[in-house]
């Protein structure tokens, strides 16, 4: 796809094929975000400080694009031209000088992000818009006022080239209209942006996952259920129902009076807040960190992270391909 133009973005039109996008960070998120823009006709500069990390990010991106072609989601004859629009760099200085949009996807470290914003302010044009892909942090506290007016959070979800959601939030000093323009651009990229009315650490989904995780680890620590059976329960109840009803509309179907009674049921005492649950901390102590180490809650022996990622992505594409407007226009019933 090419020729995407947004009538106004940060004060003037944004046009694919003319305006460049710079993605800072080639780790878990950056390559997938860069791929989305490249698929829509933008030249993208993917920047990483470590050559090995850049090489790995580009390889992961190439495999993700090849998988789309294999699944018939991208024309095979467009793969080469899409890949050619992504330019890898181990120095961001030159790309920043020509950037219309900078997407910060570096590590969740305040000092690192602060240094990145200072560099962007120094080198990028004065009207360059900056998105942070932070998953939890108040990045507005890390940038100088002159940059803060054109900085906002646009938090994508892994894998970003597949999952539609992007959480978007600005602050009172954000340039008027910029959040709305960001929402419009994300929709044009095929994403489903959700606007937050104000900043809160962790935004929406990570806060909900944090609450679910605390309860899940409590159930495991208490010997109530195994990881396998807990996941089976979620896959066959919460997951499909939430796709249709979300979280809050489910309460409407249950009945708000019954829901209120359930919340006040003394037999359903909340689990104590435990920020170091044994089910999690024991695995970390052993070095079983998940897919990257070959073992976490499950044993991935004999399968590489890239092979596991491919299997995950195939299944995600299969699910999303069946959902239609439940993803593209997720309205309540």
Protein backbone atom coordinates (compact mmCIF):
# COMPACT_ATOMS: atom_id res chain seq x y z
CA UNK A 1 0.00 0.00 0.00
CA UNK A 2 1.31 3.48 -0.82
CA UNK A 3 0.25 7.06 -1.20
CA UNK A 4 -1.12 7.53 2.33
CA UNK A 5 -1.52 11.22 3.11
CA UNK A 6 -2.79 12.78 6.32
CA UNK A 7 -4.18 16.24 5.63
CA UNK A 8 -2.56 17.69 8.72
CA UNK A 9 -0.09 16.27 11.18
CA UNK A 10 1.78 18.53 13.54
CA UNK A 11 1.00 21.59 11.44
CA UNK A 12 1.36 20.31 7.86
CA UNK A 13 0.46 17.29 5.72
CA UNK A 14 2.17 13.96 6.29
CA UNK A 15 2.73 12.01 3.07
CA UNK A 16 4.03 8.51 2.52
CA UNK A 17 6.91 8.40 0.06
CA UNK A 18 7.90 11.96 0.96
CA UNK A 19 8.03 12.22 4.74
CA UNK A 20 10.32 9.95 6.72
CA UNK A 21 9.57 8.11 9.94
CA UNK A 22 12.36 7.37 12.42
CA UNK A 23 11.97 4.46 14.85
CA UNK A 24 14.45 4.49 17.73
CA UNK A 25 15.03 1.00 19.08
CA UNK A 26 15.11 -2.34 17.22
CA UNK A 27 14.14 -4.59 20.10
CA UNK A 28 10.78 -6.25 20.69
CA UNK A 29 8.61 -3.42 19.34
CA UNK A 30 10.57 -1.23 16.95
CA UNK A 31 10.88 -3.61 13.97
CA UNK A 32 7.16 -4.38 13.92
CA UNK A 33 6.18 -0.71 14.17
CA UNK A 34 8.61 0.12 11.37
CA UNK A 35 7.09 -2.66 9.25
CA UNK A 36 3.58 -1.19 9.57
CA UNK A 37 4.75 2.18 8.27
CA UNK A 38 6.79 0.60 5.47
CA UNK A 39 3.76 -1.41 4.35
CA UNK A 40 1.88 1.87 4.00
CA UNK A 41 4.50 3.46 1.77
CA UNK A 42 6.69 5.32 4.28
CA UNK A 43 10.46 5.27 4.25
CA UNK A 44 11.48 4.29 7.77
CA UNK A 45 14.84 4.69 9.49
CA UNK A 46 15.18 1.97 12.13
CA UNK A 47 17.91 3.00 14.56
CA UNK A 48 19.68 0.90 17.17
CA UNK A 49 22.93 1.58 19.03
CA UNK A 50 24.18 -2.03 18.91
CA UNK A 51 24.90 -3.58 15.49
CA UNK A 52 23.95 -7.09 16.64
CA UNK A 53 20.60 -5.85 17.96
CA UNK A 54 19.90 -4.02 14.71
CA UNK A 55 20.75 -7.12 12.68
CA UNK A 56 18.47 -9.26 14.84
CA UNK A 57 15.64 -6.72 14.63
CA UNK A 58 15.85 -6.55 10.84
CA UNK A 59 15.93 -10.35 10.61
CA UNK A 60 12.85 -10.63 12.82
CA UNK A 61 11.09 -8.03 10.70
CA UNK A 62 11.99 -9.82 7.46
CA UNK A 63 10.62 -13.09 8.82
CA UNK A 64 7.38 -11.39 9.93
CA UNK A 65 6.89 -9.95 6.46
CA UNK A 66 7.69 -13.26 4.77
CA UNK A 67 5.12 -14.98 6.98
CA UNK A 68 2.46 -12.48 5.87
CA UNK A 69 3.28 -13.30 2.27
CA UNK A 70 3.09 -17.04 2.96
CA UNK A 71 -0.33 -16.56 4.58
CA UNK A 72 -1.57 -14.52 1.62
CA UNK A 73 -1.87 -11.36 3.72
CA UNK A 74 0.73 -9.45 1.67
CA UNK A 75 1.37 -9.87 -2.06
CA UNK A 76 4.57 -11.83 -2.53
CA UNK A 77 5.77 -9.42 -5.21
CA UNK A 78 5.58 -6.50 -2.72
CA UNK A 79 7.90 -8.01 -0.10
CA UNK A 80 11.12 -6.69 -1.64
CA UNK A 81 9.82 -3.14 -2.05
CA UNK A 82 8.48 -3.06 1.53
CA UNK A 83 11.80 -4.30 2.92
CA UNK A 84 13.64 -1.72 0.84
CA UNK A 85 11.73 1.08 2.57
CA UNK A 86 13.24 0.16 5.97
CA UNK A 87 16.76 1.51 6.42
CA UNK A 88 18.84 0.27 9.36
CA UNK A 89 21.21 2.60 11.23
CA UNK A 90 23.50 2.35 14.23
CA UNK A 91 23.67 6.15 14.50
CA UNK A 92 20.46 8.17 14.61
CA UNK A 93 21.91 11.65 14.02
CA UNK A 94 21.41 11.85 10.25
CA UNK A 95 17.96 10.21 10.25
CA UNK A 96 16.72 12.54 13.00
CA UNK A 97 17.58 15.62 10.94
CA UNK A 98 15.09 14.56 8.28
CA UNK A 99 12.36 13.08 10.48
CA UNK A 100 8.69 14.11 10.36
CA UNK A 101 7.71 11.56 12.99
CA UNK A 102 9.99 9.99 15.60
CA UNK A 103 8.82 6.88 17.43
CA UNK A 104 10.77 6.22 20.60
CA UNK A 105 10.82 2.50 21.38
CA UNK A 106 13.94 2.29 23.54
CA UNK A 107 14.33 0.52 26.87
CA UNK A 108 12.05 1.47 29.79
CA UNK A 109 14.75 3.48 31.56
CA UNK A 110 14.15 7.10 32.49
CA UNK A 111 17.75 8.21 31.95
CA UNK A 112 17.91 6.57 28.53
CA UNK A 113 14.63 8.14 27.43
CA UNK A 114 15.62 11.54 28.79
CA UNK A 115 18.82 11.43 26.73
CA UNK A 116 16.88 10.34 23.64
CA UNK A 117 14.44 13.26 23.94
CA UNK A 118 17.30 15.71 24.38
CA UNK A 119 18.90 14.35 21.20
CA UNK A 120 15.64 14.54 19.27
CA UNK A 121 15.09 18.13 20.41
CA UNK A 122 18.62 19.04 19.33
CA UNK A 123 18.61 17.41 15.88
CA UNK A 124 15.07 16.95 14.57
CA UNK A 125 13.12 19.72 12.78
CA UNK A 126 11.10 21.97 15.07
CA UNK A 127 7.76 20.52 13.91
CA UNK A 128 8.73 16.85 14.23
CA UNK A 129 6.13 14.89 16.18
CA UNK A 130 7.38 12.40 18.77
CA UNK A 131 5.54 9.28 19.89
CA UNK A 132 6.73 7.26 22.85
CA UNK A 133 5.94 3.56 22.89
CA UNK A 134 6.44 3.44 26.65
CA UNK A 135 4.31 0.82 28.38
CA UNK A 136 4.17 2.45 31.82
CA UNK A 137 6.24 5.62 32.23
CA UNK A 138 5.29 9.29 32.45
CA UNK A 139 7.58 10.38 29.64
CA UNK A 140 6.22 13.93 29.75
CA UNK A 141 8.34 14.48 32.85
CA UNK A 142 11.47 13.51 30.91
CA UNK A 143 11.29 16.02 28.04
CA UNK A 144 11.84 19.77 27.96
CA UNK A 145 8.71 21.96 27.47
CA UNK A 146 9.59 22.81 23.87
CA UNK A 147 9.50 19.12 22.93
CA UNK A 148 6.71 18.16 25.30
CA UNK A 149 4.18 20.13 23.25
CA UNK A 150 4.66 17.66 20.36
CA UNK A 151 5.30 14.54 22.43
CA UNK A 152 2.62 12.00 23.24
CA UNK A 153 2.31 8.35 24.15
CA UNK A 154 1.30 5.91 21.42
CA UNK A 155 1.66 2.54 23.10
CA UNK A 156 1.52 -0.41 20.68
CA UNK A 157 1.17 -4.06 21.69
CA UNK A 158 3.38 -7.01 20.83
CA UNK A 159 3.47 -8.14 18.13
CA UNK A 160 2.82 -4.59 16.88
CA UNK A 161 2.47 -5.53 13.20
CA UNK A 162 -0.43 -7.84 14.15
CA UNK A 163 -2.30 -6.57 17.21
CA UNK A 164 -4.54 -3.61 16.37
CA UNK A 165 -4.63 -1.71 19.68
CA UNK A 166 -2.61 1.44 20.29
CA UNK A 167 -3.19 3.35 23.54
CA UNK A 168 -2.86 7.11 22.96
CA UNK A 169 -2.53 9.82 25.59
CA UNK A 170 -1.27 13.39 25.64
CA UNK A 171 -1.07 15.94 28.42
CA UNK A 172 -2.44 19.47 28.95
CA UNK A 173 0.55 21.01 27.13
CA UNK A 174 0.17 18.80 24.05
CA UNK A 175 -0.19 20.79 20.83
CA UNK A 176 -3.92 21.32 20.11
CA UNK A 177 -5.25 18.77 17.66
CA UNK A 178 -2.20 16.53 17.78
CA UNK A 179 -3.89 13.68 19.63
CA UNK A 180 -6.77 13.68 17.13
CA UNK A 181 -4.29 13.74 14.24
CA UNK A 182 -2.42 10.82 15.80
CA UNK A 183 -5.65 8.83 16.12
CA UNK A 184 -6.41 9.53 12.45
CA UNK A 185 -2.95 8.42 11.34
CA UNK A 186 -3.14 5.21 13.34
CA UNK A 187 -6.54 4.39 11.85
CA UNK A 188 -5.10 5.00 8.37
CA UNK A 189 -2.37 2.49 9.26
CA UNK A 190 -5.02 -0.11 10.05
CA UNK A 191 -4.73 0.20 13.81
CA UNK A 192 -7.44 0.60 16.44
CA UNK A 193 -6.35 3.50 18.64
CA UNK A 194 -7.97 4.12 22.03
CA UNK A 195 -7.67 7.56 23.58
CA UNK A 196 -7.03 7.98 27.30
CA UNK A 197 -8.42 11.18 28.77
CA UNK A 198 -5.43 11.58 31.08
CA UNK A 199 -2.15 9.89 31.93
CA UNK A 200 -2.04 7.03 34.43
CA UNK A 201 1.01 4.76 34.89
CA UNK A 202 0.58 1.56 32.89
CA UNK A 203 -2.33 3.01 30.87
CA UNK A 204 -5.22 0.55 30.37
CA UNK A 205 -4.22 -2.96 29.41
CA UNK A 206 -1.05 -3.30 31.48
CA UNK A 207 -3.00 -2.25 34.57
CA UNK A 208 -5.65 -4.87 33.86
CA UNK A 209 -2.98 -7.51 33.18
CA UNK A 210 -1.25 -6.59 36.44
CA UNK A 211 -4.46 -7.23 38.38
CA UNK A 212 -5.14 -10.51 36.53
CA UNK A 213 -1.55 -11.62 37.03
CA UNK A 214 -1.65 -11.06 40.80
CA UNK A 215 -4.77 -13.24 41.10
CA UNK A 216 -3.37 -15.91 38.75
CA UNK A 217 -0.10 -16.20 40.69
CA UNK A 218 -2.05 -16.33 43.97
CA UNK A 219 -4.14 -19.25 42.69
CA UNK A 220 -0.99 -21.08 41.63
CA UNK A 221 0.85 -20.36 44.90
CA UNK A 222 -2.15 -21.68 46.83
CA UNK A 223 -2.10 -24.92 44.86
CA UNK A 224 -5.51 -24.29 43.34
CA UNK A 225 -4.55 -24.81 39.68
CA UNK A 226 -1.63 -25.55 37.36
CA UNK A 227 -0.41 -23.14 34.71
CA UNK A 228 -1.74 -25.41 31.96
CA UNK A 229 -5.24 -25.65 33.42
CA UNK A 230 -5.42 -21.94 34.21
CA UNK A 231 -4.54 -21.07 30.63
CA UNK A 232 -7.03 -23.63 29.32
CA UNK A 233 -9.77 -22.01 31.40
CA UNK A 234 -8.94 -18.55 30.11
CA UNK A 235 -8.69 -19.64 26.46
CA UNK A 236 -12.11 -21.29 26.58
CA UNK A 237 -14.08 -18.64 28.48
CA UNK A 238 -12.66 -15.18 29.12
CA UNK A 239 -10.82 -14.82 25.83
CA UNK A 240 -13.65 -15.53 23.34
CA UNK A 241 -16.30 -13.76 25.41
CA UNK A 242 -14.16 -10.67 25.90
CA UNK A 243 -13.67 -10.45 22.14
CA UNK A 244 -17.41 -9.90 21.77
CA UNK A 245 -18.33 -8.04 24.95
CA UNK A 246 -15.09 -6.47 26.13
CA UNK A 247 -14.92 -6.06 29.90
CA UNK A 248 -17.71 -3.72 30.93
CA UNK A 249 -20.48 -4.81 28.56
CA UNK A 250 -20.21 -8.30 30.06
CA UNK A 251 -21.52 -6.79 33.31
CA UNK A 252 -24.60 -5.54 31.45
CA UNK A 253 -25.35 -9.09 30.34
CA UNK A 254 -24.72 -10.50 33.81
CA UNK A 255 -26.87 -7.81 35.42
CA UNK A 256 -25.39 -4.89 37.33
CA UNK A 257 -27.25 -5.79 40.52
CA UNK A 258 -25.84 -9.33 40.47
CA UNK A 259 -22.40 -7.97 39.61
CA UNK A 260 -22.53 -5.61 42.58
CA UNK A 261 -23.53 -8.49 44.85
CA UNK A 262 -20.63 -10.60 43.59
CA UNK A 263 -18.16 -7.81 44.30
CA UNK A 264 -19.40 -7.61 47.88
CA UNK A 265 -19.50 -11.36 48.53
CA UNK A 266 -17.47 -11.91 51.74
CA UNK A 267 -16.59 -15.45 50.66
CA UNK A 268 -14.75 -14.03 47.64
CA UNK A 269 -12.01 -12.30 49.61
CA UNK A 270 -9.42 -10.64 47.42
CA UNK A 271 -5.97 -12.15 47.30
CA UNK A 272 -3.38 -10.17 49.28
CA UNK A 273 -1.20 -7.91 47.17
CA UNK A 274 2.00 -9.88 46.64
CA UNK A 275 4.59 -8.23 44.41
CA UNK A 276 6.94 -11.22 44.66
CA UNK A 277 4.71 -14.26 44.04
CA UNK A 278 6.44 -17.62 44.40
CA UNK A 279 5.08 -18.93 41.09
CA UNK A 280 6.97 -16.12 39.36
CA UNK A 281 9.99 -15.48 41.58
CA UNK A 282 11.06 -19.14 41.76
CA UNK A 283 11.25 -19.35 37.98
CA UNK A 284 13.21 -16.11 37.74
CA UNK A 285 15.66 -17.35 40.38
CA UNK A 286 16.21 -20.53 38.35
CA UNK A 287 16.80 -18.50 35.19
CA UNK A 288 13.65 -19.82 33.53
CA UNK A 289 12.59 -16.51 32.00
CA UNK A 290 10.30 -17.73 29.22
CA UNK A 291 10.71 -18.05 25.47
CA UNK A 292 14.13 -16.39 25.38
CA UNK A 293 15.66 -19.02 27.71
CA UNK A 294 13.65 -21.99 26.47
CA UNK A 295 11.62 -22.44 29.63
CA UNK A 296 9.20 -20.44 31.75
CA UNK A 297 5.77 -21.66 32.79
CA UNK A 298 6.16 -24.05 29.84
CA UNK A 299 9.12 -26.00 28.47
CA UNK A 300 10.10 -24.92 24.94
CA UNK A 301 13.02 -27.33 24.57
CA UNK A 302 14.10 -27.83 20.98
CA UNK A 303 12.29 -24.76 19.61
CA UNK A 304 13.99 -21.46 18.91
CA UNK A 305 12.47 -18.10 19.90
CA UNK A 306 12.01 -17.28 16.21
CA UNK A 307 10.16 -20.55 15.57
CA UNK A 308 7.92 -19.93 18.58
CA UNK A 309 7.27 -16.38 17.44
CA UNK A 310 6.27 -17.69 14.01
CA UNK A 311 3.84 -20.20 15.49
CA UNK A 312 2.34 -17.51 17.72
CA UNK A 313 1.98 -15.11 14.80
CA UNK A 314 0.36 -17.69 12.52
CA UNK A 315 -2.29 -18.36 15.16
CA UNK A 316 -2.82 -14.66 15.86
CA UNK A 317 -3.33 -13.97 12.15
CA UNK A 318 -5.78 -16.88 11.98
CA UNK A 319 -7.82 -15.49 14.88
CA UNK A 320 -7.79 -11.89 13.67
CA UNK A 321 -8.75 -12.89 10.13
CA UNK A 322 -12.02 -14.27 11.49
CA UNK A 323 -12.96 -11.27 13.61
CA UNK A 324 -13.73 -8.69 10.92
CA UNK A 325 -15.27 -5.52 12.32
CA UNK A 326 -14.89 -6.79 15.87
CA UNK A 327 -11.31 -5.58 15.43
CA UNK A 328 -11.58 -2.83 12.83
CA UNK A 329 -14.63 -1.20 14.42
CA UNK A 330 -15.04 -2.67 17.92
CA UNK A 331 -18.42 -1.27 18.91
CA UNK A 332 -20.64 -2.61 21.70
CA UNK A 333 -23.64 -4.78 20.83
